Protein backbone atom coordinates (compact mmCIF):
# COMPACT_ATOMS: atom_id res chain seq x y z
CA MET A 1 7.11 -25.21 130.56
CA LEU A 2 5.66 -28.08 128.54
CA ALA A 3 2.72 -25.85 127.58
CA ASP A 4 4.85 -22.73 127.10
CA ASP A 5 4.95 -22.72 123.29
CA MET A 6 2.66 -22.90 120.26
CA LEU A 7 2.55 -26.71 120.12
CA GLY A 8 2.47 -27.33 123.86
CA LYS A 9 -0.52 -25.05 124.31
CA THR A 10 -2.58 -27.42 122.19
CA ARG A 11 -1.50 -30.73 123.75
CA GLU A 12 -0.77 -30.13 127.44
CA ASP A 13 -3.20 -29.78 130.35
CA VAL A 14 -2.10 -26.98 132.66
CA GLY A 15 -4.97 -27.49 135.13
CA PRO A 16 -5.73 -26.78 137.88
CA PRO A 17 -6.05 -29.32 139.20
CA LEU A 18 -2.95 -31.15 138.03
CA ASN A 19 -3.88 -33.90 135.62
CA PRO A 20 -3.09 -37.21 137.41
CA ALA A 21 -1.52 -38.54 134.18
CA TYR A 22 1.47 -36.24 134.83
CA GLU A 23 1.97 -37.67 138.33
CA GLN A 24 1.72 -41.22 136.99
CA ALA A 25 4.25 -40.48 134.24
CA PHE A 26 6.62 -38.84 136.73
CA ALA A 27 6.45 -41.89 139.00
CA ALA A 28 7.08 -44.29 136.09
CA ILE A 29 10.08 -42.26 134.90
CA GLU A 30 11.46 -42.07 138.43
CA ARG A 31 11.28 -45.89 138.82
CA ASP A 32 13.02 -46.68 135.53
CA PRO A 33 16.85 -46.62 135.68
CA ASN A 34 16.98 -45.97 131.91
CA GLN A 35 15.06 -42.69 132.32
CA PHE A 36 16.40 -39.40 133.60
CA MET A 37 14.70 -36.04 134.02
CA ALA A 38 17.00 -33.03 134.10
CA VAL A 39 15.98 -29.62 135.39
CA LEU A 40 18.11 -26.52 134.92
CA GLU A 41 17.87 -23.77 137.52
CA ASP A 42 19.17 -20.22 137.45
CA ALA A 43 19.05 -18.07 140.59
CA GLY A 44 16.53 -20.48 142.13
CA ALA A 45 14.16 -20.44 139.15
CA VAL A 46 13.57 -23.43 136.89
CA VAL A 47 14.59 -22.32 133.40
CA GLY A 48 14.91 -25.63 131.54
CA TYR A 49 13.87 -29.26 131.39
CA LEU A 50 14.60 -32.34 129.34
CA GLN A 51 14.11 -36.09 129.56
CA LEU A 52 16.91 -38.47 128.67
CA THR A 53 16.17 -42.12 127.91
CA PHE A 54 18.85 -44.76 127.50
CA ILE A 55 17.81 -47.35 124.91
CA PRO A 56 19.67 -50.64 124.70
CA GLY A 57 19.51 -52.26 121.29
CA LEU A 58 20.83 -55.16 119.26
CA SER A 59 21.49 -53.25 116.04
CA MET A 60 24.81 -51.55 115.40
CA GLN A 61 26.58 -54.17 117.51
CA GLY A 62 24.43 -53.71 120.58
CA MET A 63 24.83 -49.95 120.67
CA LEU A 64 23.26 -48.00 123.53
CA ARG A 65 21.42 -44.88 122.40
CA GLY A 66 20.56 -41.74 124.31
CA GLN A 67 17.15 -40.36 123.35
CA ILE A 68 16.66 -36.69 124.26
CA GLU A 69 13.01 -35.69 124.63
CA SER A 70 10.82 -32.80 125.77
CA VAL A 71 13.54 -30.17 125.69
CA ARG A 72 12.06 -26.95 127.04
CA ILE A 73 13.49 -23.59 128.03
CA ALA A 74 11.24 -21.05 129.77
CA ALA A 75 10.00 -18.55 127.18
CA SER A 76 11.39 -15.61 129.14
CA ARG A 77 14.85 -17.21 129.20
CA ARG A 78 15.25 -18.35 125.59
CA GLY A 79 18.22 -17.01 123.67
CA GLN A 80 20.39 -16.78 126.81
CA GLY A 81 22.42 -19.98 126.32
CA PHE A 82 20.42 -22.26 128.61
CA GLY A 83 19.53 -24.59 125.74
CA HIS A 84 23.23 -25.06 124.97
CA VAL A 85 23.94 -25.81 128.62
CA MET A 86 21.19 -28.44 128.80
CA LEU A 87 21.96 -30.15 125.49
CA ASN A 88 25.70 -30.19 126.08
CA TRP A 89 25.06 -31.78 129.49
CA ALA A 90 22.78 -34.41 127.89
CA ILE A 91 25.36 -35.21 125.19
CA GLU A 92 28.10 -35.63 127.79
CA GLU A 93 25.83 -37.80 129.94
CA CYS A 94 25.23 -40.03 126.91
CA ARG A 95 28.99 -40.33 126.40
CA ARG A 96 29.55 -41.02 130.11
CA ARG A 97 27.04 -43.86 130.02
CA GLY A 98 28.60 -45.41 126.93
CA CYS A 99 26.06 -44.43 124.28
CA GLY A 100 27.19 -44.67 120.68
CA THR A 101 24.75 -41.97 119.61
CA ALA A 102 22.55 -39.24 121.03
CA GLN A 103 19.33 -38.76 119.13
CA LEU A 104 16.28 -36.57 119.28
CA ALA A 105 13.19 -35.69 117.33
CA MET A 106 11.58 -32.32 116.81
CA HIS A 107 8.42 -31.07 115.21
CA LYS A 108 9.03 -29.98 111.62
CA SER A 109 7.44 -26.57 112.26
CA ARG A 110 10.26 -25.52 114.60
CA ASP A 111 12.72 -23.93 112.14
CA ASP A 112 14.70 -22.12 114.86
CA THR A 113 15.00 -25.37 116.82
CA LEU A 114 16.37 -27.17 113.76
CA ARG A 115 19.12 -24.56 113.40
CA PHE A 116 19.86 -24.82 117.13
CA TYR A 117 20.28 -28.62 117.02
CA GLU A 118 22.42 -28.39 113.90
CA SER A 119 24.67 -25.86 115.66
CA LEU A 120 25.33 -28.55 118.29
CA GLY A 121 26.35 -31.09 115.63
CA PHE A 122 23.09 -33.00 115.24
CA VAL A 123 22.38 -34.12 111.67
CA ALA A 124 18.89 -34.64 110.25
CA SER A 125 19.91 -38.05 108.91
CA HIS A 126 16.62 -39.93 109.23
CA GLU A 127 12.96 -39.37 108.52
CA GLY A 128 10.71 -40.12 111.49
CA PHE A 129 7.13 -41.30 111.66
CA LYS A 130 4.49 -41.26 114.38
CA LEU A 131 1.19 -43.08 114.66
CA LYS A 132 -1.31 -41.65 117.12
CA LEU A 133 -3.01 -44.37 119.12
């Protein structure tokens, strides 16, 4: 699913064989109690994925943040409400764990995704930057 869109096709390695970097990342996420991978299934098929990271911080009176990353819905299942199910779950999980905010980033080329996140109440309140290393 990570490679199942225009951007993912250019940055993911679908193999075979499986790139060992994916296995290493999976193991690191699994060991870290502040990381959570969520998979959504429908009728036994994986239809969605996201990663949720809990970030403790000193600013805003020590507020815990929930960072939502790598949200993916299988191309054949988009537009069927699975994205709403996954994001609503992630938002509630952030609340349950005491986060003061749920945040995410998206590529600026994803106009439909922007409208989707706004429909869930997310506000494009900050400008983000990335530095490739």
